[in-house]
């Protein structure tokens, strides 16, 4: 454990951010997985779920939780799967 005052504060901040980021990252993963399942099952509302996943990815990027290229790659793969089904 750190014994320098600034490092103790930094550790507290990092822990708060980690917990906040977990929520965003988890909801993003859920949205992407739901979209993937809907595409695989030929679900009729798959396009809506893909759009929700894209919105979730964009919000995660805005909040700095994931990198923009990571989100772009995931969006691209989702759209590619959706196009292949159509």
C-alpha atoms as a PDB file:
ATOM      1  CA  UNK A   1       0.000   0.000   0.000  1.00  0.00           C
ATOM      2  CA  UNK A   2       1.222   3.486  -0.788  1.00  0.00           C
ATOM      3  CA  UNK A   3       2.380   5.716   2.042  1.00  0.00           C
ATOM      4  CA  UNK A   4       2.659   8.926   0.014  1.00  0.00           C
ATOM      5  CA  UNK A   5      -0.329  11.221   0.439  1.00  0.00           C
ATOM      6  CA  UNK A   6      -0.769  12.016  -3.250  1.00  0.00           C
ATOM      7  CA  UNK A   7      -0.539   8.348  -4.190  1.00  0.00           C
ATOM      8  CA  UNK A   8      -3.161   7.399  -1.588  1.00  0.00           C
ATOM      9  CA  UNK A   9      -5.483  10.003  -3.114  1.00  0.00           C
ATOM     10  CA  UNK A  10      -4.687   8.769  -6.638  1.00  0.00           C
ATOM     11  CA  UNK A  11      -5.537   5.190  -5.600  1.00  0.00           C
ATOM     12  CA  UNK A  12      -8.913   6.312  -4.239  1.00  0.00           C
ATOM     13  CA  UNK A  13      -9.662   8.194  -7.458  1.00  0.00           C
ATOM     14  CA  UNK A  14      -8.652   5.237  -9.595  1.00  0.00           C
ATOM     15  CA  UNK A  15     -10.912   2.902  -7.616  1.00  0.00           C
ATOM     16  CA  UNK A  16     -13.904   5.241  -8.014  1.00  0.00           C
ATOM     17  CA  UNK A  17     -13.268   5.524 -11.747  1.00  0.00           C
ATOM     18  CA  UNK A  18     -12.828   1.779 -12.093  1.00  0.00           C
ATOM     19  CA  UNK A  19     -16.218   1.132 -10.495  1.00  0.00           C
ATOM     20  CA  UNK A  20     -17.884   3.793 -12.637  1.00  0.00           C
ATOM     21  CA  UNK A  21     -16.281   2.423 -15.811  1.00  0.00           C
ATOM     22  CA  UNK A  22     -17.334  -1.148 -14.998  1.00  0.00           C
ATOM     23  CA  UNK A  23     -20.996  -0.162 -15.194  1.00  0.00           C
ATOM     24  CA  UNK A  24     -20.599   1.473 -18.601  1.00  0.00           C
ATOM     25  CA  UNK A  25     -18.419  -1.327 -19.981  1.00  0.00           C
ATOM     26  CA  UNK A  26     -20.831  -3.990 -18.729  1.00  0.00           C
ATOM     27  CA  UNK A  27     -23.904  -2.358 -20.229  1.00  0.00           C
ATOM     28  CA  UNK A  28     -22.030  -1.904 -23.513  1.00  0.00           C
ATOM     29  CA  UNK A  29     -21.068  -5.566 -23.590  1.00  0.00           C
ATOM     30  CA  UNK A  30     -24.655  -6.562 -22.855  1.00  0.00           C
ATOM     31  CA  UNK A  31     -25.972  -4.418 -25.699  1.00  0.00           C
ATOM     32  CA  UNK A  32     -23.432  -5.846 -28.164  1.00  0.00           C
ATOM     33  CA  UNK A  33     -24.151  -9.428 -27.088  1.00  0.00           C
ATOM     34  CA  UNK A  34     -27.922  -8.927 -27.390  1.00  0.00           C
ATOM     35  CA  UNK A  35     -27.424  -7.546 -30.894  1.00  0.00           C
ATOM     36  CA  UNK A  36     -25.220 -10.504 -31.872  1.00  0.00           C
ATOM     37  CA  UNK A  37     -27.770 -13.000 -30.571  1.00  0.00           C
ATOM     38  CA  UNK A  38     -30.612 -11.203 -32.375  1.00  0.00           C
ATOM     39  CA  UNK A  39     -28.663 -11.294 -35.641  1.00  0.00           C
ATOM     40  CA  UNK A  40     -27.889 -14.988 -35.184  1.00  0.00           C
ATOM     41  CA  UNK A  41     -31.505 -15.884 -34.444  1.00  0.00           C
ATOM     42  CA  UNK A  42     -32.871 -13.820 -37.356  1.00  0.00           C
ATOM     43  CA  UNK A  43     -34.864 -11.776 -34.842  1.00  0.00           C
ATOM     44  CA  UNK A  44     -37.199  -9.187 -36.371  1.00  0.00           C
ATOM     45  CA  UNK A  45     -35.992  -6.335 -34.122  1.00  0.00           C
ATOM     46  CA  UNK A  46     -32.297  -7.021 -34.762  1.00  0.00           C
ATOM     47  CA  UNK A  47     -31.752  -3.652 -36.450  1.00  0.00           C
ATOM     48  CA  UNK A  48     -33.040  -1.805 -33.384  1.00  0.00           C
ATOM     49  CA  UNK A  49     -30.754  -3.829 -31.120  1.00  0.00           C
ATOM     50  CA  UNK A  50     -27.767  -3.131 -33.365  1.00  0.00           C
ATOM     51  CA  UNK A  51     -28.525   0.596 -33.251  1.00  0.00           C
ATOM     52  CA  UNK A  52     -28.790   0.449 -29.446  1.00  0.00           C
ATOM     53  CA  UNK A  53     -25.433  -1.319 -29.296  1.00  0.00           C
ATOM     54  CA  UNK A  54     -23.868   1.354 -31.508  1.00  0.00           C
ATOM     55  CA  UNK A  55     -25.264   4.104 -29.273  1.00  0.00           C
ATOM     56  CA  UNK A  56     -23.908   2.318 -26.193  1.00  0.00           C
ATOM     57  CA  UNK A  57     -20.467   2.017 -27.809  1.00  0.00           C
ATOM     58  CA  UNK A  58     -20.463   5.709 -28.761  1.00  0.00           C
ATOM     59  CA  UNK A  59     -21.396   6.716 -25.213  1.00  0.00           C
ATOM     60  CA  UNK A  60     -18.624   4.550 -23.797  1.00  0.00           C
ATOM     61  CA  UNK A  61     -16.156   6.324 -26.094  1.00  0.00           C
ATOM     62  CA  UNK A  62     -17.445   9.754 -25.036  1.00  0.00           C
ATOM     63  CA  UNK A  63     -16.963   8.828 -21.387  1.00  0.00           C
ATOM     64  CA  UNK A  64     -13.453   7.583 -22.076  1.00  0.00           C
ATOM     65  CA  UNK A  65     -14.191   4.015 -21.021  1.00  0.00           C
ATOM     66  CA  UNK A  66     -13.085   2.389 -24.278  1.00  0.00           C
ATOM     67  CA  UNK A  67     -10.876   3.582 -27.106  1.00  0.00           C
ATOM     68  CA  UNK A  68     -12.546   4.991 -30.216  1.00  0.00           C
ATOM     69  CA  UNK A  69     -10.855   2.448 -32.508  1.00  0.00           C
ATOM     70  CA  UNK A  70     -12.107  -0.377 -30.284  1.00  0.00           C
ATOM     71  CA  UNK A  71     -15.672   0.922 -30.616  1.00  0.00           C
ATOM     72  CA  UNK A  72     -15.263   1.434 -34.370  1.00  0.00           C
ATOM     73  CA  UNK A  73     -14.060  -2.145 -34.770  1.00  0.00           C
ATOM     74  CA  UNK A  74     -17.006  -3.539 -32.798  1.00  0.00           C
ATOM     75  CA  UNK A  75     -19.508  -1.407 -34.720  1.00  0.00           C
ATOM     76  CA  UNK A  76     -17.987  -2.490 -38.012  1.00  0.00           C
ATOM     77  CA  UNK A  77     -18.217  -6.165 -37.099  1.00  0.00           C
ATOM     78  CA  UNK A  78     -21.837  -5.795 -35.994  1.00  0.00           C
ATOM     79  CA  UNK A  79     -22.817  -4.024 -39.211  1.00  0.00           C
ATOM     80  CA  UNK A  80     -20.963  -6.637 -41.258  1.00  0.00           C
ATOM     81  CA  UNK A  81     -22.916  -9.444 -39.575  1.00  0.00           C
ATOM     82  CA  UNK A  82     -26.176  -7.582 -40.057  1.00  0.00           C
ATOM     83  CA  UNK A  83     -25.459  -7.032 -43.764  1.00  0.00           C
ATOM     84  CA  UNK A  84     -24.585 -10.700 -44.226  1.00  0.00           C
ATOM     85  CA  UNK A  85     -27.982 -11.736 -42.829  1.00  0.00           C
ATOM     86  CA  UNK A  86     -29.890  -9.415 -45.169  1.00  0.00           C
END
